[in-house]
Amino acid sequence: MRASLSSRVERSVARAAEALFAAQRPDGSWPNRRPTAVLGTAGAVVALHLADPERSRDLVERGARWLVEAQNADGGWGGVARAPTQFVPTVVAASALHLLDPRGAREPVRRARDLLDRRGGVRSLTDPGMAHMAATFLTLAGLGDIQGSRRIPLELLMLPRRFWRPRLSFRVAPFVAMAFVQARHDPPKGLARLLHRLAVPAAYRALAEVERGENDRGGYGGDNWLVSVVCIGLSRAGAPEELVSATVGYLRSNVHRDGSWHIMQGLDLIGGSYVARGLADAGFAADPRLARARAWLRGCQQDEAFPIFDAPPGGWGWEGPRGWPNILDSANVLSALVAAGGEGDGEESLRRGLRWLESRQDRAGSWGTFVPDTTLANDGPCPYVTAQSVEVLLDGGVSRQDPRIAKALEWLLAAQRADGAYEALWYRGLTPGTSMALVAFGRAGLTGHPAATRAREALLDAQLADGSWGPGETGVPGDDASAGTVEETAWALRGLLACGVPADDPRLRRAAEWIVAAQRGDGLWEPSPVCMHIRDLAYYVDGLIVNGLALKALGSYRDAAAGSPLEEQGAP
């Protein structure tokens, strides 16, 4: 007779915990093993070709070979090798190959351009910043022309920060870089030329201030793609050699043996926070190995302000004790810390982090990612981040009646789509945002609210026949609504449990069964490209998040199923 689902869940949790603790480093962190990326590689080879052509020739050639091998059968590229084709990685990869070897790469480039033409070309991009980025790479390769495109007003940086911070947010560095490239290929005239020249020192100062907050010299955002963009801009502008060489050195230090690069270099912090919370929810909150992980997370809390974002000390970035403090990653770390409550010397760190999170709330009640009250759509506001912030603050002891919680919930209720779902800025599709909103509603006692009912129904309606969840019907290229992932199924299972759907509901049992069945022989789960690097345009894979999400979901299911009549009877 087959073992009950609860016993299979219990074994699955134990196997995953054993594998994760075995992989844990002595300092409490986990290595985030994940595939390298098309954008990281294509950007790096273009940057090194332009800024360091002789010394880096071998790296450029290896990177180009990797790109050719990573091309999909339809002629495009996804965020990582063999992922579904997406527009921006295809534009950048094709531009890189044509720039490096127009004759040798003729066929791969032709196939890519045919695909882009079928999808409407650069004109089909609705994000003006990314449309300009795509046009810029085509221009660098001699496949396009940015002359006549809307001028990037570098002189904006000469104004007080309160005028440009909400508008630029985390795009300060690429804004400078793209302005430099544009000025090289489409020189401004008249007054615009004078303004650009006067603004160049302010642009260098802004880049220097961003870099001062980084973990590594030249490592803007700890992001090889962004560093590549900055490197290209600096080299096109004839910037001081020390600025260019810092970015070149960063890229050269991060290349993999196969010639590829990651997009973002260090994701151990964000992935480790998911794993730490997952293990806590799975029953290991008091394990000393997990206490060591929380100590490591606390040690990465930033003790300096980040002026470009007007961020005070107390938050977290995604790669270490420095870098870009942001609300999403800070909320994830705080979620791992609050799971253990006050923990000796960690109590002050937790309280400081919660105060930091409260201070980053938008005036409307929502939370974005980097800069409160931004007008940049890719920063915020975000239903997922808002819902997670509500959960973390409530878990951290903030009252449901607190005005900040009330305002956040009011915003979240109003942000619901007509179909009942919610969006997320940094995870693909509709499943993560809808699931996280259900968690917030459950924690806030709003499971009976009509918005919660609609979200619950929308999520249940999106379940696939095999019990899993995918991104839902988004209409976004690369989103396969017919195939489920561990990440999205885990998000959905936990959200539905938090909002009152019983564990013995057959739909939830099938979801738990699916996650258990998807576990690999090594006890872990296979990650999928569900994380967004550029909203709806470029995804990447995180090797740790998937395991944290699976454990959070299975731990929640096991706890909810305890005492269930079906489980007591040993139902198959």
Protein backbone atom coordinates (compact mmCIF):
# COMPACT_ATOMS: atom_id res chain seq x y z
CA MET A 1 0.00 0.00 0.00
CA ARG A 2 1.38 3.38 -1.00
CA ALA A 3 2.49 5.63 1.88
CA SER A 4 0.26 8.57 2.77
CA LEU A 5 0.95 11.91 1.15
CA SER A 6 2.00 13.38 4.50
CA SER A 7 4.67 10.73 4.95
CA ARG A 8 5.93 11.30 1.42
CA VAL A 9 6.05 15.04 2.08
CA GLU A 10 7.94 14.41 5.30
CA ARG A 11 10.53 12.30 3.50
CA SER A 12 10.84 14.88 0.73
CA VAL A 13 11.47 17.65 3.27
CA ALA A 14 14.07 15.55 5.09
CA ARG A 15 15.93 14.74 1.87
CA ALA A 16 15.98 18.39 0.80
CA ALA A 17 17.18 19.57 4.19
CA GLU A 18 19.94 16.99 4.24
CA ALA A 19 21.13 18.06 0.78
CA LEU A 20 21.01 21.75 1.61
CA PHE A 21 22.82 21.45 4.91
CA ALA A 22 25.47 19.31 3.20
CA ALA A 23 26.04 22.12 0.67
CA GLN A 24 26.15 24.87 3.28
CA ARG A 25 29.41 26.77 3.63
CA PRO A 26 31.13 27.10 7.01
CA ASP A 27 30.05 30.76 7.26
CA GLY A 28 26.37 29.73 7.00
CA SER A 29 25.78 30.76 3.38
CA TRP A 30 24.97 28.59 0.36
CA PRO A 31 26.55 28.61 -3.11
CA ASN A 32 24.03 29.63 -5.75
CA ARG A 33 24.77 27.28 -8.64
CA ARG A 34 22.86 28.32 -11.74
CA PRO A 35 23.32 28.52 -15.50
CA THR A 36 25.11 31.45 -17.06
CA ALA A 37 23.20 33.95 -19.17
CA VAL A 38 22.89 35.18 -22.73
CA LEU A 39 22.70 38.87 -21.84
CA GLY A 40 25.66 38.64 -19.48
CA THR A 41 27.74 36.93 -22.16
CA ALA A 42 26.67 39.03 -25.14
CA GLY A 43 27.13 42.28 -23.24
CA ALA A 44 30.55 41.24 -21.96
CA VAL A 45 31.97 40.26 -25.34
CA VAL A 46 30.81 43.53 -26.91
CA ALA A 47 32.28 45.54 -24.04
CA LEU A 48 35.62 43.74 -24.09
CA HIS A 49 35.80 43.92 -27.88
CA LEU A 50 35.37 47.69 -27.76
CA ALA A 51 37.35 48.51 -24.62
CA ASP A 52 40.06 45.83 -24.44
CA PRO A 53 40.30 44.25 -27.90
CA GLU A 54 43.84 42.91 -27.85
CA ARG A 55 44.22 41.53 -24.32
CA SER A 56 40.70 40.09 -24.22
CA ARG A 57 40.56 38.65 -27.75
CA ASP A 58 40.54 35.05 -26.54
CA LEU A 59 37.71 35.75 -24.08
CA VAL A 60 35.69 37.48 -26.78
CA GLU A 61 36.13 34.58 -29.20
CA ARG A 62 35.14 31.99 -26.59
CA GLY A 63 32.09 34.04 -25.65
CA ALA A 64 31.03 34.30 -29.28
CA ARG A 65 31.29 30.52 -29.71
CA TRP A 66 29.16 30.04 -26.59
CA LEU A 67 26.50 32.37 -27.99
CA VAL A 68 26.33 30.48 -31.28
CA GLU A 69 25.92 27.20 -29.41
CA ALA A 70 23.21 28.72 -27.18
CA GLN A 71 21.03 29.85 -30.10
CA ASN A 72 17.58 28.25 -30.18
CA ALA A 73 16.17 26.38 -33.16
CA ASP A 74 13.83 29.29 -33.95
CA GLY A 75 16.82 31.62 -34.37
CA GLY A 76 16.47 33.45 -31.06
CA TRP A 77 17.96 33.33 -27.60
CA GLY A 78 16.36 33.11 -24.18
CA GLY A 79 17.65 34.44 -20.90
CA VAL A 80 19.82 31.34 -20.48
CA ALA A 81 20.87 28.64 -22.93
CA ARG A 82 17.93 26.53 -24.14
CA ALA A 83 15.33 28.75 -22.46
CA PRO A 84 12.39 29.96 -24.59
CA THR A 85 13.29 32.80 -26.94
CA GLN A 86 12.92 36.38 -25.70
CA PHE A 87 13.29 39.62 -27.62
CA VAL A 88 16.05 41.53 -25.82
CA PRO A 89 18.53 38.63 -25.46
CA THR A 90 18.00 37.91 -29.17
CA VAL A 91 18.72 41.51 -30.22
CA VAL A 92 21.84 41.78 -28.08
CA ALA A 93 23.24 38.34 -28.97
CA ALA A 94 22.70 38.86 -32.71
CA SER A 95 24.28 42.34 -32.51
CA ALA A 96 27.27 40.96 -30.65
CA LEU A 97 27.90 38.20 -33.17
CA HIS A 98 27.61 40.55 -36.14
CA LEU A 99 29.94 43.09 -34.54
CA LEU A 100 32.57 40.47 -33.77
CA ASP A 101 32.49 38.45 -37.01
CA PRO A 102 30.09 39.72 -39.69
CA ARG A 103 31.04 37.02 -42.20
CA GLY A 104 31.49 34.06 -39.88
CA ALA A 105 28.27 34.73 -37.99
CA ARG A 106 26.19 35.54 -41.06
CA GLU A 107 23.82 32.57 -40.73
CA PRO A 108 23.09 32.82 -36.97
CA VAL A 109 22.54 36.57 -37.34
CA ARG A 110 20.26 36.12 -40.36
CA ARG A 111 18.09 33.65 -38.49
CA ALA A 112 17.88 35.98 -35.50
CA ARG A 113 17.00 39.03 -37.62
CA ASP A 114 14.30 37.09 -39.45
CA LEU A 115 12.79 36.18 -36.09
CA LEU A 116 12.95 39.78 -34.84
CA ASP A 117 11.30 41.02 -38.03
CA ARG A 118 8.47 38.51 -37.58
CA ARG A 119 7.95 39.87 -34.07
CA GLY A 120 7.74 43.48 -35.16
CA GLY A 121 11.32 44.62 -34.68
CA VAL A 122 12.49 47.14 -32.11
CA ARG A 123 9.28 49.10 -32.62
CA SER A 124 7.41 46.33 -30.81
CA LEU A 125 9.16 47.14 -27.51
CA THR A 126 6.85 49.22 -25.34
CA ASP A 127 9.51 50.09 -22.73
CA PRO A 128 11.24 53.22 -24.16
CA GLY A 129 14.44 52.53 -22.24
CA MET A 130 14.75 48.99 -23.53
CA ALA A 131 13.76 50.03 -27.06
CA HIS A 132 16.63 52.51 -26.99
CA MET A 133 18.96 49.87 -25.53
CA ALA A 134 18.08 47.43 -28.32
CA ALA A 135 18.52 50.12 -30.98
CA THR A 136 21.89 51.05 -29.48
CA PHE A 137 23.26 47.51 -29.74
CA LEU A 138 22.04 47.25 -33.32
CA THR A 139 23.80 50.55 -34.05
CA LEU A 140 27.04 49.37 -32.45
CA ALA A 141 26.91 46.34 -34.74
CA GLY A 142 26.14 48.37 -37.86
CA LEU A 143 22.67 46.82 -38.10
CA GLY A 144 20.74 49.94 -37.16
CA ASP A 145 20.96 53.67 -36.66
CA ILE A 146 20.00 55.65 -33.55
CA GLN A 147 20.25 58.99 -35.33
CA GLY A 148 17.04 60.89 -34.88
CA SER A 149 16.00 58.97 -31.76
CA ARG A 150 14.88 60.91 -28.72
CA ARG A 151 17.89 62.51 -27.04
CA ILE A 152 18.89 61.30 -23.57
CA PRO A 153 19.15 64.48 -21.45
CA LEU A 154 22.37 63.90 -19.53
CA GLU A 155 22.01 67.39 -18.08
CA LEU A 156 19.23 66.03 -15.89
CA LEU A 157 22.01 64.97 -13.51
CA MET A 158 22.98 68.62 -13.01
CA LEU A 159 19.69 69.22 -11.18
CA PRO A 160 19.13 68.48 -7.47
CA ARG A 161 18.59 64.77 -6.90
CA ARG A 162 15.03 65.17 -5.78
CA PHE A 163 14.18 65.98 -9.41
CA TRP A 164 15.85 63.00 -11.08
CA ARG A 165 15.97 60.27 -8.43
CA PRO A 166 12.28 59.25 -8.73
CA ARG A 167 12.54 59.27 -12.51
CA LEU A 168 15.80 57.36 -12.95
CA SER A 169 15.76 55.18 -9.83
CA PHE A 170 18.14 52.23 -10.33
CA ARG A 171 18.80 53.17 -13.97
CA VAL A 172 21.28 55.94 -13.19
CA ALA A 173 24.29 53.98 -14.47
CA PRO A 174 22.70 52.76 -17.75
CA PHE A 175 21.21 56.24 -18.25
CA VAL A 176 24.72 57.71 -18.22
CA ALA A 177 26.12 54.94 -20.41
CA MET A 178 23.40 55.21 -23.06
CA ALA A 179 23.75 59.00 -23.13
CA PHE A 180 27.47 58.60 -23.80
CA VAL A 181 26.90 56.10 -26.61
CA GLN A 182 24.20 58.26 -28.17
CA ALA A 183 26.44 61.33 -28.10
CA ARG A 184 29.14 59.34 -29.89
CA HIS A 185 26.90 57.98 -32.65
CA ASP A 186 24.45 60.89 -32.93
CA PRO A 187 26.31 63.97 -31.64
CA PRO A 188 24.06 66.65 -30.16
CA LYS A 189 24.06 70.06 -31.80
CA GLY A 190 23.74 73.63 -30.63
CA LEU A 191 22.49 74.12 -27.10
CA ALA A 192 22.08 70.37 -26.59
CA ARG A 193 25.78 69.90 -27.32
CA LEU A 194 26.72 72.52 -24.73
CA LEU A 195 24.40 71.00 -22.12
CA HIS A 196 25.78 67.52 -22.71
CA ARG A 197 29.37 68.72 -22.36
CA LEU A 198 28.55 70.59 -19.14
CA ALA A 199 26.79 67.50 -17.73
CA VAL A 200 29.66 65.04 -18.28
CA PRO A 201 31.38 65.82 -14.94
CA ALA A 202 28.07 65.32 -13.11
CA ALA A 203 27.65 61.99 -14.91
CA TYR A 204 31.09 60.82 -13.81
CA ARG A 205 30.31 61.87 -10.24
CA ALA A 206 27.06 59.89 -10.30
CA LEU A 207 28.85 56.78 -11.56
CA ALA A 208 31.55 57.19 -8.95
CA GLU A 209 28.95 57.43 -6.20
CA VAL A 210 27.21 54.27 -7.39
CA GLU A 211 30.54 52.45 -7.55
CA ARG A 212 31.55 53.54 -4.03
CA GLY A 213 28.65 51.52 -2.68
CA GLU A 214 29.53 48.35 -4.58
CA ASN A 215 31.13 45.17 -3.29
CA ASP A 216 33.77 45.21 -6.05
CA ARG A 217 35.62 47.87 -8.02
CA GLY A 218 33.93 48.38 -11.36
CA GLY A 219 31.07 46.06 -10.39
CA TYR A 220 28.00 48.19 -10.98
CA GLY A 221 25.12 46.36 -9.34
CA GLY A 222 27.21 43.19 -9.21
CA ASP A 223 25.68 42.74 -12.65
CA ASN A 224 27.85 41.69 -15.61
CA TRP A 225 25.25 42.92 -18.09
CA LEU A 226 25.05 46.36 -16.48
CA VAL A 227 28.84 46.55 -16.11
CA SER A 228 29.10 45.77 -19.82
CA VAL A 229 26.70 48.58 -20.69
CA VAL A 230 28.66 51.02 -18.52
CA CYS A 231 31.95 49.83 -20.00
CA ILE A 232 30.64 50.38 -23.53
CA GLY A 233 29.43 53.87 -22.62
CA LEU A 234 32.69 54.84 -20.98
CA SER A 235 34.79 53.55 -23.87
CA ARG A 236 32.62 55.37 -26.43
CA ALA A 237 32.91 58.60 -24.42
CA GLY A 238 36.69 58.45 -24.19
CA ALA A 239 36.40 58.36 -20.40
CA PRO A 240 39.47 58.34 -18.13
CA GLU A 241 41.36 55.07 -18.43
CA GLU A 242 40.94 54.13 -14.77
CA LEU A 243 37.14 54.13 -15.14
CA VAL A 244 37.19 51.93 -18.22
CA SER A 245 39.83 49.55 -16.85
CA ALA A 246 37.82 48.96 -13.66
CA THR A 247 34.86 47.66 -15.66
CA VAL A 248 37.12 45.62 -17.94
CA GLY A 249 38.83 44.07 -14.94
CA TYR A 250 35.49 43.18 -13.36
CA LEU A 251 34.29 41.44 -16.52
CA ARG A 252 37.55 39.58 -17.05
CA SER A 253 37.45 38.27 -13.48
CA ASN A 254 33.97 36.79 -13.89
CA VAL A 255 34.19 34.80 -17.13
CA HIS A 256 33.50 31.07 -16.90
CA ARG A 257 35.64 28.38 -18.45
CA ASP A 258 33.16 27.83 -21.27
CA GLY A 259 33.36 31.51 -22.26
CA SER A 260 30.08 32.63 -20.72
CA TRP A 261 29.06 35.06 -17.99
CA HIS A 262 26.22 35.29 -15.49
CA ILE A 263 23.88 38.26 -15.63
CA MET A 264 24.15 39.08 -11.95
CA GLN A 265 27.34 37.81 -10.45
CA GLY A 266 26.46 37.12 -6.82
CA LEU A 267 23.01 35.91 -5.79
CA ASP A 268 24.00 33.93 -2.71
CA LEU A 269 22.31 36.40 -0.36
CA ILE A 270 18.90 36.49 -1.99
CA GLY A 271 18.87 32.75 -2.67
CA GLY A 272 20.17 31.96 0.79
CA SER A 273 17.38 33.96 2.40
CA TYR A 274 14.80 31.85 0.56
CA VAL A 275 16.52 28.67 1.69
CA ALA A 276 16.76 29.85 5.30
CA ARG A 277 13.05 30.67 5.45
CA GLY A 278 12.17 27.43 3.69
CA LEU A 279 14.14 25.35 6.16
CA ALA A 280 12.53 27.23 9.05
CA ASP A 281 9.04 26.57 7.70
CA ALA A 282 10.01 22.93 7.19
CA GLY A 283 10.73 22.52 10.90
CA PHE A 284 14.42 23.42 11.23
CA ALA A 285 14.09 26.89 12.77
CA ALA A 286 15.99 25.86 15.93
CA ASP A 287 18.71 23.92 14.10
CA PRO A 288 22.14 25.45 14.90
CA ARG A 289 23.10 25.20 11.23
CA LEU A 290 20.18 27.44 10.37
CA ALA A 291 21.12 29.79 13.20
CA ARG A 292 24.51 30.09 11.49
CA ALA A 293 22.77 30.99 8.23
CA ARG A 294 20.77 33.72 9.94
CA ALA A 295 23.95 35.08 11.50
CA TRP A 296 25.48 35.29 8.04
CA LEU A 297 22.41 37.11 6.72
CA ARG A 298 22.59 39.59 9.58
CA GLY A 299 26.27 40.11 8.82
CA CYS A 300 25.32 41.25 5.31
CA GLN A 301 23.05 44.02 6.60
CA GLN A 302 24.27 47.34 5.27
CA ASP A 303 25.67 49.76 7.83
CA GLU A 304 26.10 52.65 5.42
CA ALA A 305 23.58 54.78 3.56
CA PHE A 306 23.23 54.51 -0.23
CA PRO A 307 22.76 58.14 -1.28
CA ILE A 308 21.86 57.54 -4.93
CA PHE A 309 18.65 55.82 -3.73
CA ASP A 310 18.37 58.04 -0.62
CA ALA A 311 18.42 54.75 1.32
CA PRO A 312 19.41 54.79 5.00
CA PRO A 313 21.54 52.03 6.56
CA GLY A 314 19.75 48.84 7.60
CA GLY A 315 18.70 47.18 4.35
CA TRP A 316 20.15 44.41 2.20
CA GLY A 317 21.23 43.98 -1.40
CA TRP A 318 21.47 40.72 -3.32
CA GLU A 319 25.14 39.89 -3.14
CA GLY A 320 26.77 40.93 0.12
CA PRO A 321 27.22 43.63 2.74
CA ARG A 322 27.39 46.35 0.09
CA GLY A 323 25.69 46.93 -3.23
CA TRP A 324 22.24 48.21 -4.13
CA PRO A 325 19.89 48.06 -1.13
CA ASN A 326 16.43 47.09 -2.27
CA ILE A 327 13.09 46.29 -0.75
CA LEU A 328 12.51 42.89 -2.35
CA ASP A 329 15.74 41.35 -1.10
CA SER A 330 15.50 43.09 2.28
CA ALA A 331 12.01 41.69 2.77
CA ASN A 332 13.25 38.22 1.86
CA VAL A 333 16.07 38.40 4.39
CA LEU A 334 13.73 39.75 7.05
CA SER A 335 11.34 36.90 6.30
CA ALA A 336 14.13 34.46 7.15
CA LEU A 337 15.05 36.35 10.33
CA VAL A 338 11.53 36.79 11.72
CA ALA A 339 10.93 33.04 11.39
CA ALA A 340 13.20 32.60 14.42
CA GLY A 341 11.91 35.62 16.35
CA GLY A 342 14.33 37.51 18.57
CA GLU A 343 17.62 35.67 18.52
CA GLY A 344 20.15 36.99 21.03
CA ASP A 345 22.30 39.67 19.49
CA GLY A 346 20.20 39.48 16.33
CA GLU A 347 17.21 41.27 17.83
CA GLU A 348 18.60 44.75 17.12
CA SER A 349 19.51 43.77 13.55
CA LEU A 350 15.97 42.51 13.00
CA ARG A 351 14.38 45.66 14.44
CA ARG A 352 16.68 47.89 12.40
CA GLY A 353 15.75 45.98 9.26
CA LEU A 354 12.04 46.25 9.97
CA ARG A 355 12.40 50.00 10.52
CA TRP A 356 14.28 50.24 7.22
CA LEU A 357 11.47 48.40 5.45
CA GLU A 358 8.84 50.71 6.96
CA SER A 359 10.84 53.75 5.85
CA ARG A 360 10.76 52.63 2.19
CA GLN A 361 6.97 52.52 1.88
CA ASP A 362 5.45 54.68 -0.84
CA ARG A 363 3.11 57.49 0.10
CA ALA A 364 0.27 55.51 -1.52
CA GLY A 365 0.88 52.56 0.83
CA SER A 366 2.67 50.30 -1.63
CA TRP A 367 6.28 49.21 -1.85
CA GLY A 368 8.45 49.17 -4.96
CA THR A 369 12.02 47.97 -5.21
CA PHE A 370 14.68 50.66 -4.98
CA VAL A 371 13.31 54.20 -4.68
CA PRO A 372 10.02 55.03 -2.94
CA ASP A 373 7.44 56.94 -4.99
CA THR A 374 9.37 56.36 -8.19
CA THR A 375 7.84 57.10 -11.56
CA LEU A 376 9.91 54.35 -13.20
CA ALA A 377 7.54 51.50 -13.97
CA ASN A 378 10.23 48.84 -13.63
CA ASP A 379 10.86 49.89 -10.02
CA GLY A 380 7.41 50.06 -8.58
CA PRO A 381 4.92 49.96 -7.11
CA CYS A 382 4.73 46.17 -6.97
CA PRO A 383 1.90 43.97 -5.64
CA TYR A 384 4.31 41.13 -4.84
CA VAL A 385 6.73 43.29 -2.86
CA THR A 386 3.86 45.05 -1.11
CA ALA A 387 2.25 41.77 -0.08
CA GLN A 388 5.54 40.34 1.14
CA SER A 389 6.29 43.51 3.11
CA VAL A 390 2.90 43.21 4.79
CA GLU A 391 3.60 39.59 5.72
CA VAL A 392 7.06 40.40 7.09
CA LEU A 393 5.89 43.36 9.15
CA LEU A 394 2.99 41.41 10.62
CA ASP A 395 5.32 38.49 11.41
CA GLY A 396 7.68 41.02 12.97
CA GLY A 397 5.07 42.19 15.44
CA VAL A 398 3.44 45.14 13.70
CA SER A 399 -0.28 45.26 14.48
CA ARG A 400 -2.91 44.63 11.82
CA GLN A 401 -4.43 47.94 12.87
CA ASP A 402 -1.21 49.86 12.25
CA PRO A 403 -1.92 52.68 9.74
CA ARG A 404 0.96 51.56 7.52
CA ILE A 405 -0.49 48.06 7.24
CA ALA A 406 -3.98 49.40 6.64
CA LYS A 407 -2.72 51.68 3.87
CA ALA A 408 -0.74 48.86 2.27
CA LEU A 409 -3.75 46.55 2.26
CA GLU A 410 -5.95 49.28 0.84
CA TRP A 411 -3.48 49.74 -2.00
CA LEU A 412 -3.20 45.98 -2.55
CA LEU A 413 -6.96 45.55 -2.75
CA ALA A 414 -7.15 48.30 -5.36
CA ALA A 415 -4.23 46.92 -7.40
CA GLN A 416 -6.04 43.70 -8.32
CA ARG A 417 -6.46 43.01 -12.03
CA ALA A 418 -9.92 42.59 -13.49
CA ASP A 419 -9.34 38.82 -13.75
CA GLY A 420 -8.57 38.59 -10.03
CA ALA A 421 -4.83 38.08 -10.43
CA TYR A 422 -1.87 40.19 -9.30
CA GLU A 423 1.38 41.01 -11.06
CA ALA A 424 4.97 40.86 -9.83
CA LEU A 425 7.78 43.08 -11.13
CA TRP A 426 10.63 40.64 -10.63
CA TYR A 427 9.05 37.23 -11.21
CA ARG A 428 7.35 36.21 -14.41
CA GLY A 429 3.65 35.80 -14.99
CA LEU A 430 0.70 36.06 -12.63
CA THR A 431 1.25 33.17 -10.24
CA PRO A 432 3.83 34.73 -7.85
CA GLY A 433 1.98 38.02 -7.35
CA THR A 434 -1.41 36.40 -6.88
CA SER A 435 0.00 33.83 -4.46
CA MET A 436 1.83 36.44 -2.38
CA ALA A 437 -1.29 38.61 -2.22
CA LEU A 438 -3.20 35.62 -0.81
CA VAL A 439 -0.53 35.19 1.87
CA ALA A 440 -0.91 38.84 2.86
CA PHE A 441 -4.70 38.57 2.93
CA GLY A 442 -4.48 35.47 5.07
CA ARG A 443 -2.08 37.07 7.55
CA ALA A 444 -4.24 40.19 7.73
CA GLY A 445 -7.48 38.30 8.37
CA LEU A 446 -8.99 39.17 4.99
CA THR A 447 -9.59 35.67 3.62
CA GLY A 448 -13.30 36.44 3.24
CA HIS A 449 -12.81 39.71 1.39
CA PRO A 450 -14.18 39.68 -2.19
CA ALA A 451 -10.71 40.51 -3.55
CA ALA A 452 -9.26 37.49 -1.76
CA THR A 453 -12.04 35.30 -3.15
CA ARG A 454 -11.37 36.53 -6.68
CA ALA A 455 -7.62 35.99 -6.32
CA ARG A 456 -8.16 32.50 -4.92
CA GLU A 457 -10.49 31.58 -7.78
CA ALA A 458 -8.12 33.03 -10.37
CA LEU A 459 -5.23 31.01 -9.00
CA LEU A 460 -7.21 27.77 -8.77
CA ASP A 461 -8.50 28.27 -12.32
CA ALA A 462 -4.89 28.56 -13.52
CA GLN A 463 -3.85 25.18 -12.13
CA LEU A 464 -2.70 22.80 -14.86
CA ALA A 465 -4.10 19.32 -15.35
CA ASP A 466 -1.06 17.66 -13.73
CA GLY A 467 -1.50 19.67 -10.53
CA SER A 468 1.22 22.24 -11.20
CA TRP A 469 1.22 25.95 -12.00
CA GLY A 470 3.04 27.90 -14.69
CA PRO A 471 3.02 31.64 -15.45
CA GLY A 472 -0.60 31.75 -16.58
CA GLU A 473 -1.85 33.21 -19.85
CA THR A 474 0.30 36.34 -20.06
CA GLY A 475 0.78 36.78 -23.79
CA VAL A 476 4.49 37.42 -23.16
CA PRO A 477 6.95 35.66 -25.51
CA GLY A 478 8.79 32.99 -23.56
CA ASP A 479 5.97 32.35 -21.09
CA ASP A 480 4.81 28.79 -21.69
CA ALA A 481 1.42 28.60 -19.99
CA SER A 482 1.17 24.84 -20.64
CA ALA A 483 4.11 23.76 -18.47
CA GLY A 484 4.39 24.04 -14.71
CA THR A 485 7.47 24.86 -12.65
CA VAL A 486 8.42 24.00 -9.09
CA GLU A 487 8.72 27.68 -8.20
CA GLU A 488 5.27 28.66 -9.43
CA THR A 489 3.60 25.55 -8.03
CA ALA A 490 5.19 26.17 -4.64
CA TRP A 491 4.13 29.82 -4.64
CA ALA A 492 0.56 28.81 -5.46
CA LEU A 493 0.33 26.00 -2.91
CA ARG A 494 1.55 28.18 -0.05
CA GLY A 495 -0.69 31.08 -1.07
CA LEU A 496 -3.83 28.96 -1.24
CA LEU A 497 -3.09 27.35 2.12
CA ALA A 498 -2.51 30.77 3.69
CA CYS A 499 -5.83 32.02 2.40
CA GLY A 500 -7.94 29.24 3.80
CA VAL A 501 -8.06 26.45 1.21
CA PRO A 502 -7.85 23.22 3.25
CA ALA A 503 -4.98 20.81 2.77
CA ASP A 504 -7.38 17.97 1.94
CA ASP A 505 -8.70 19.86 -1.08
CA PRO A 506 -7.89 17.55 -4.01
CA ARG A 507 -6.35 20.42 -5.96
CA LEU A 508 -3.87 21.15 -3.21
CA ARG A 509 -3.08 17.48 -2.71
CA ARG A 510 -2.24 17.22 -6.40
CA ALA A 511 0.02 20.27 -6.11
CA ALA A 512 1.91 18.79 -3.17
CA GLU A 513 2.18 15.46 -5.00
CA TRP A 514 3.59 17.25 -8.04
CA ILE A 515 6.29 19.05 -6.03
CA VAL A 516 7.30 15.80 -4.29
CA ALA A 517 7.44 13.96 -7.61
CA ALA A 518 9.56 16.73 -9.15
CA GLN A 519 12.31 16.32 -6.56
CA ARG A 520 15.59 15.21 -8.08
CA GLY A 521 17.63 12.24 -6.95
CA ASP A 522 20.01 14.53 -5.06
CA GLY A 523 17.14 15.79 -2.90
CA LEU A 524 16.89 19.23 -4.54
CA TRP A 525 14.66 20.67 -7.28
CA GLU A 526 15.42 21.82 -10.80
CA PRO A 527 15.24 25.63 -11.17
CA SER A 528 13.43 27.33 -14.03
CA PRO A 529 13.80 30.79 -15.63
CA VAL A 530 11.09 32.51 -13.58
CA CYS A 531 13.16 35.43 -12.25
CA MET A 532 13.04 38.66 -14.25
CA HIS A 533 16.10 40.70 -15.04
CA ILE A 534 14.27 42.99 -17.43
CA ARG A 535 10.53 42.95 -16.97
CA ASP A 536 8.87 40.60 -19.48
CA LEU A 537 11.95 40.82 -21.72
CA ALA A 538 14.76 38.81 -20.13
CA TYR A 539 14.57 36.08 -17.47
CA TYR A 540 17.20 34.23 -15.50
CA VAL A 541 17.49 31.16 -13.29
CA ASP A 542 18.21 31.14 -9.56
CA GLY A 543 19.54 27.85 -8.21
CA LEU A 544 18.55 28.42 -4.57
CA ILE A 545 15.16 30.12 -4.69
CA VAL A 546 13.51 26.99 -6.07
CA ASN A 547 14.55 24.93 -3.04
CA GLY A 548 13.46 27.57 -0.55
CA LEU A 549 10.06 27.90 -2.20
CA ALA A 550 9.53 24.12 -2.34
CA LEU A 551 10.34 23.76 1.36
CA LYS A 552 8.11 26.67 2.33
CA ALA A 553 5.22 25.11 0.42
CA LEU A 554 5.75 21.55 1.65
CA GLY A 555 6.29 22.71 5.23
CA SER A 556 3.06 24.70 5.09
CA TYR A 557 1.22 21.76 3.54
CA ARG A 558 2.49 19.32 6.15
CA ASP A 559 1.44 21.62 8.99
CA ALA A 560 -1.99 22.23 7.47
CA ALA A 561 -2.52 18.53 6.79
CA ALA A 562 -1.73 17.45 10.35
CA GLY A 563 -4.89 15.94 11.75
CA SER A 564 -6.66 15.92 8.36
CA PRO A 565 -9.17 13.04 8.16
CA LEU A 566 -7.76 11.96 4.81
CA GLU A 567 -4.24 11.77 6.20
CA GLU A 568 -5.36 9.93 9.34
CA GLN A 569 -6.89 7.30 7.07
CA GLY A 570 -3.64 6.99 5.09
CA ALA A 571 -5.19 8.14 1.85
CA PRO A 572 -3.05 7.46 -1.24
